[in-house]
N, C-alpha and C. Protein backbone atom coordinates (compact mmCIF):
# COMPACT_ATOMS: atom_id res chain seq x y z
N UNK A 1 -70.66 41.94 86.52
CA UNK A 1 -71.69 41.02 86.93
C UNK A 1 -72.14 40.15 85.76
N UNK A 2 -72.22 40.73 84.56
CA UNK A 2 -72.68 39.97 83.40
C UNK A 2 -71.72 38.84 83.06
N UNK A 3 -70.42 39.08 83.20
CA UNK A 3 -69.46 38.02 82.89
C UNK A 3 -69.54 36.90 83.93
N UNK A 4 -69.88 37.24 85.16
CA UNK A 4 -70.02 36.22 86.19
C UNK A 4 -71.22 35.32 85.88
N UNK A 5 -72.34 35.91 85.49
CA UNK A 5 -73.53 35.13 85.14
C UNK A 5 -73.26 34.30 83.89
N UNK A 6 -72.57 34.86 82.93
CA UNK A 6 -72.23 34.11 81.71
C UNK A 6 -71.34 32.92 82.04
N UNK A 7 -70.37 33.14 82.90
CA UNK A 7 -69.48 32.04 83.28
C UNK A 7 -70.25 30.98 84.07
N UNK A 8 -71.14 31.41 84.96
CA UNK A 8 -71.95 30.48 85.74
C UNK A 8 -72.84 29.64 84.82
N UNK A 9 -73.46 30.29 83.85
CA UNK A 9 -74.33 29.59 82.90
C UNK A 9 -73.51 28.60 82.06
N UNK A 10 -72.33 29.03 81.64
CA UNK A 10 -71.45 28.17 80.85
C UNK A 10 -71.05 26.93 81.65
N UNK A 11 -70.64 27.13 82.92
CA UNK A 11 -70.23 26.01 83.75
C UNK A 11 -71.40 25.07 84.04
N UNK A 12 -72.59 25.61 84.23
CA UNK A 12 -73.76 24.77 84.47
C UNK A 12 -74.08 23.94 83.23
N UNK A 13 -73.99 24.54 82.06
CA UNK A 13 -74.24 23.82 80.81
C UNK A 13 -73.19 22.75 80.60
N UNK A 14 -71.94 23.09 80.84
CA UNK A 14 -70.86 22.12 80.70
C UNK A 14 -71.03 20.96 81.67
N UNK A 15 -71.38 21.25 82.91
CA UNK A 15 -71.60 20.20 83.91
C UNK A 15 -72.77 19.30 83.53
N UNK A 16 -73.84 19.88 83.03
CA UNK A 16 -75.00 19.09 82.60
C UNK A 16 -74.66 18.18 81.44
N UNK A 17 -73.88 18.69 80.49
CA UNK A 17 -73.47 17.87 79.34
C UNK A 17 -72.55 16.74 79.78
N UNK A 18 -71.66 17.04 80.72
CA UNK A 18 -70.74 16.00 81.20
C UNK A 18 -71.50 14.91 81.95
N UNK A 19 -72.54 15.29 82.67
CA UNK A 19 -73.33 14.30 83.41
C UNK A 19 -74.18 13.46 82.47
N UNK A 20 -74.70 14.05 81.40
CA UNK A 20 -75.57 13.33 80.47
C UNK A 20 -74.81 12.51 79.45
N UNK A 21 -73.55 12.82 79.20
CA UNK A 21 -72.77 12.14 78.17
C UNK A 21 -72.68 10.63 78.37
N UNK A 22 -72.36 10.13 79.57
CA UNK A 22 -72.31 8.66 79.73
C UNK A 22 -73.65 7.99 79.45
N UNK A 23 -74.75 8.65 79.78
CA UNK A 23 -76.07 8.08 79.50
C UNK A 23 -76.32 7.99 78.00
N UNK A 24 -75.92 9.01 77.26
CA UNK A 24 -76.11 9.00 75.82
C UNK A 24 -75.26 7.93 75.17
N UNK A 25 -74.04 7.77 75.63
CA UNK A 25 -73.15 6.75 75.07
C UNK A 25 -73.71 5.36 75.37
N UNK A 26 -74.17 5.16 76.57
CA UNK A 26 -74.73 3.87 76.96
C UNK A 26 -75.98 3.56 76.14
N UNK A 27 -76.80 4.54 75.84
CA UNK A 27 -78.03 4.32 75.09
C UNK A 27 -77.75 3.95 73.64
N UNK A 28 -76.62 4.36 73.09
CA UNK A 28 -76.32 4.10 71.69
C UNK A 28 -75.74 2.71 71.44
N UNK A 29 -75.36 1.98 72.48
CA UNK A 29 -74.75 0.68 72.29
C UNK A 29 -75.79 -0.33 71.84
N UNK A 30 -75.47 -1.12 70.81
CA UNK A 30 -76.43 -2.12 70.34
C UNK A 30 -76.55 -3.24 71.38
N UNK A 31 -77.69 -3.93 71.37
CA UNK A 31 -77.84 -5.04 72.31
C UNK A 31 -76.82 -6.13 72.01
N UNK A 32 -76.44 -6.86 73.03
CA UNK A 32 -75.45 -7.92 72.87
C UNK A 32 -75.99 -9.00 71.94
N UNK A 33 -75.13 -9.48 71.07
CA UNK A 33 -75.52 -10.53 70.13
C UNK A 33 -75.56 -11.87 70.87
N UNK A 34 -76.64 -12.64 70.71
CA UNK A 34 -76.69 -13.96 71.35
C UNK A 34 -75.57 -14.86 70.82
N UNK A 35 -75.06 -15.69 71.69
CA UNK A 35 -73.97 -16.60 71.33
C UNK A 35 -74.45 -18.03 71.56
N UNK A 36 -74.28 -18.87 70.55
CA UNK A 36 -74.61 -20.29 70.66
C UNK A 36 -73.30 -21.07 70.61
N UNK A 37 -73.15 -22.00 71.52
CA UNK A 37 -71.97 -22.85 71.52
C UNK A 37 -72.30 -24.21 70.95
N UNK A 38 -71.48 -24.69 70.04
CA UNK A 38 -71.64 -26.01 69.44
C UNK A 38 -70.47 -26.86 69.90
N UNK A 39 -70.78 -27.92 70.59
CA UNK A 39 -69.78 -28.84 71.11
C UNK A 39 -70.02 -30.21 70.49
N UNK A 40 -68.99 -30.75 69.87
CA UNK A 40 -69.14 -32.04 69.20
C UNK A 40 -67.92 -32.90 69.46
N UNK A 41 -68.15 -34.21 69.58
CA UNK A 41 -67.06 -35.16 69.74
C UNK A 41 -66.42 -35.50 68.41
N UNK A 42 -67.06 -35.09 67.31
CA UNK A 42 -66.60 -35.44 65.97
C UNK A 42 -65.64 -34.40 65.40
N UNK A 43 -65.27 -34.62 64.13
CA UNK A 43 -64.47 -33.69 63.35
C UNK A 43 -65.44 -32.77 62.61
N UNK A 44 -65.04 -31.53 62.34
CA UNK A 44 -65.93 -30.60 61.64
C UNK A 44 -66.41 -31.12 60.29
N UNK A 45 -65.54 -31.76 59.53
CA UNK A 45 -65.93 -32.21 58.19
C UNK A 45 -66.95 -33.35 58.23
N UNK A 46 -67.02 -34.09 59.33
CA UNK A 46 -68.00 -35.18 59.45
C UNK A 46 -69.37 -34.66 59.87
N UNK A 47 -69.44 -33.45 60.31
CA UNK A 47 -70.70 -32.88 60.80
C UNK A 47 -71.32 -31.89 59.83
N UNK A 48 -70.83 -31.83 58.61
CA UNK A 48 -71.28 -30.77 57.69
C UNK A 48 -72.78 -30.84 57.40
N UNK A 49 -73.35 -32.04 57.24
CA UNK A 49 -74.79 -32.14 56.96
C UNK A 49 -75.61 -31.65 58.15
N UNK A 50 -75.20 -32.04 59.35
CA UNK A 50 -75.92 -31.60 60.55
C UNK A 50 -75.77 -30.09 60.75
N UNK A 51 -74.57 -29.56 60.50
CA UNK A 51 -74.38 -28.12 60.65
C UNK A 51 -75.21 -27.35 59.63
N UNK A 52 -75.29 -27.87 58.42
CA UNK A 52 -76.12 -27.21 57.40
C UNK A 52 -77.58 -27.18 57.85
N UNK A 53 -78.07 -28.31 58.38
CA UNK A 53 -79.45 -28.38 58.87
C UNK A 53 -79.64 -27.43 60.06
N UNK A 54 -78.65 -27.37 60.92
CA UNK A 54 -78.69 -26.47 62.07
C UNK A 54 -78.80 -25.02 61.61
N UNK A 55 -77.95 -24.62 60.65
CA UNK A 55 -78.00 -23.25 60.13
C UNK A 55 -79.32 -22.98 59.42
N UNK A 56 -79.83 -23.96 58.69
CA UNK A 56 -81.13 -23.79 58.02
C UNK A 56 -82.23 -23.56 59.04
N UNK A 57 -82.22 -24.35 60.13
CA UNK A 57 -83.22 -24.18 61.17
C UNK A 57 -83.12 -22.82 61.85
N UNK A 58 -81.90 -22.37 62.09
CA UNK A 58 -81.72 -21.03 62.66
C UNK A 58 -82.26 -19.97 61.72
N UNK A 59 -81.95 -20.11 60.44
CA UNK A 59 -82.39 -19.14 59.44
C UNK A 59 -83.92 -19.08 59.39
N UNK A 60 -84.58 -20.23 59.49
CA UNK A 60 -86.05 -20.27 59.46
C UNK A 60 -86.66 -19.52 60.64
N UNK A 61 -85.94 -19.45 61.74
CA UNK A 61 -86.44 -18.72 62.91
C UNK A 61 -85.91 -17.29 62.98
N UNK A 62 -85.20 -16.87 61.92
CA UNK A 62 -84.76 -15.48 61.84
C UNK A 62 -83.34 -15.21 62.31
N UNK A 63 -82.57 -16.24 62.59
CA UNK A 63 -81.19 -16.05 63.05
C UNK A 63 -80.20 -16.42 61.96
N UNK A 64 -79.25 -15.52 61.74
CA UNK A 64 -78.20 -15.76 60.74
C UNK A 64 -76.85 -15.49 61.40
N UNK A 65 -75.98 -16.49 61.31
CA UNK A 65 -74.66 -16.36 61.93
C UNK A 65 -73.94 -15.15 61.37
N UNK A 66 -73.41 -14.34 62.27
CA UNK A 66 -72.67 -13.15 61.87
C UNK A 66 -73.52 -11.91 61.74
N UNK A 67 -74.82 -12.07 61.54
CA UNK A 67 -75.71 -10.91 61.43
C UNK A 67 -76.38 -10.61 62.77
N UNK A 68 -77.06 -11.60 63.34
CA UNK A 68 -77.73 -11.38 64.61
C UNK A 68 -77.49 -12.53 65.60
N UNK A 69 -76.47 -13.33 65.30
CA UNK A 69 -76.14 -14.48 66.14
C UNK A 69 -74.67 -14.84 65.95
N UNK A 70 -73.99 -15.12 67.03
CA UNK A 70 -72.61 -15.61 66.96
C UNK A 70 -72.61 -17.08 67.36
N UNK A 71 -71.78 -17.87 66.70
CA UNK A 71 -71.68 -19.29 67.03
C UNK A 71 -70.23 -19.61 67.34
N UNK A 72 -70.01 -20.24 68.49
CA UNK A 72 -68.70 -20.69 68.91
C UNK A 72 -68.66 -22.20 68.74
N UNK A 73 -67.70 -22.70 67.98
CA UNK A 73 -67.58 -24.14 67.71
C UNK A 73 -66.42 -24.71 68.51
N UNK A 74 -66.62 -25.90 69.05
CA UNK A 74 -65.55 -26.67 69.69
C UNK A 74 -65.68 -28.11 69.22
N UNK A 75 -64.57 -28.66 68.73
CA UNK A 75 -64.54 -30.01 68.16
C UNK A 75 -63.55 -30.87 68.94
N UNK A 76 -64.00 -32.01 69.45
CA UNK A 76 -63.12 -32.91 70.18
C UNK A 76 -62.34 -33.81 69.21
N UNK A 77 -62.80 -33.91 67.99
CA UNK A 77 -62.13 -34.68 66.93
C UNK A 77 -61.84 -36.12 67.37
N UNK A 78 -62.88 -36.76 67.91
CA UNK A 78 -62.77 -38.15 68.29
C UNK A 78 -62.13 -38.40 69.64
N UNK A 79 -61.68 -37.37 70.30
CA UNK A 79 -61.03 -37.52 71.61
C UNK A 79 -62.00 -37.08 72.70
N UNK A 80 -62.81 -38.02 73.16
CA UNK A 80 -63.83 -37.70 74.15
C UNK A 80 -63.25 -37.15 75.44
N UNK A 81 -61.99 -37.45 75.73
CA UNK A 81 -61.36 -36.92 76.95
C UNK A 81 -61.23 -35.39 76.88
N UNK A 82 -61.32 -34.81 75.68
CA UNK A 82 -61.21 -33.35 75.53
C UNK A 82 -62.54 -32.64 75.78
N UNK A 83 -63.65 -33.40 75.79
CA UNK A 83 -64.97 -32.77 75.91
C UNK A 83 -65.15 -31.91 77.17
N UNK A 84 -64.74 -32.36 78.36
CA UNK A 84 -64.92 -31.49 79.53
C UNK A 84 -64.20 -30.15 79.42
N UNK A 85 -62.99 -30.15 78.91
CA UNK A 85 -62.24 -28.89 78.77
C UNK A 85 -62.89 -27.99 77.72
N UNK A 86 -63.35 -28.58 76.62
CA UNK A 86 -64.01 -27.80 75.58
C UNK A 86 -65.33 -27.22 76.09
N UNK A 87 -66.07 -28.02 76.85
CA UNK A 87 -67.32 -27.52 77.44
C UNK A 87 -67.03 -26.38 78.42
N UNK A 88 -65.96 -26.49 79.18
CA UNK A 88 -65.59 -25.42 80.12
C UNK A 88 -65.26 -24.13 79.37
N UNK A 89 -64.60 -24.24 78.21
CA UNK A 89 -64.32 -23.05 77.40
C UNK A 89 -65.62 -22.37 76.98
N UNK A 90 -66.58 -23.17 76.56
CA UNK A 90 -67.85 -22.60 76.11
C UNK A 90 -68.65 -22.00 77.26
N UNK A 91 -68.52 -22.58 78.44
CA UNK A 91 -69.31 -22.12 79.59
C UNK A 91 -68.87 -20.76 80.09
N UNK A 92 -67.73 -20.26 79.66
CA UNK A 92 -67.25 -18.94 80.10
C UNK A 92 -68.12 -17.83 79.53
N UNK A 93 -68.62 -18.01 78.33
CA UNK A 93 -69.44 -17.00 77.66
C UNK A 93 -70.79 -16.87 78.38
N UNK A 94 -71.15 -15.66 78.83
CA UNK A 94 -72.36 -15.51 79.64
C UNK A 94 -73.68 -15.75 78.90
N UNK A 95 -73.73 -15.55 77.60
CA UNK A 95 -74.99 -15.69 76.87
C UNK A 95 -75.00 -16.96 76.04
N UNK A 96 -74.55 -18.02 76.58
CA UNK A 96 -74.26 -19.21 75.80
C UNK A 96 -75.30 -20.29 75.97
N UNK A 97 -75.66 -20.90 74.87
CA UNK A 97 -76.49 -22.10 74.88
C UNK A 97 -75.62 -23.20 74.26
N UNK A 98 -75.42 -24.29 74.97
CA UNK A 98 -74.55 -25.36 74.46
C UNK A 98 -75.41 -26.45 73.88
N UNK A 99 -75.13 -26.81 72.64
CA UNK A 99 -75.86 -27.86 71.95
C UNK A 99 -74.98 -29.08 71.78
N UNK A 100 -75.55 -30.26 71.90
CA UNK A 100 -74.76 -31.48 71.76
C UNK A 100 -74.95 -32.18 70.46
């Protein structure tokens, strides 16, 4: 009888741990990092002053690329016909803010 109760207790403990494990794993995941999309008709090298100001403004509000914010860049490089496709690429990301 004692081995039956021991086995029952063991199985109950194992079942409880198996049920709680997904909850514990889910609780440990960090929150999703916000993603900002930058879409420009220009070339990256022509936008360096604006990008620097953009990063400075983000930093002043507590956001730093790679630490607590991800930035996705898309450059049309003077080809405005590419803008719709580039915007569509950025729109796939669910947490995206697109800046012009």
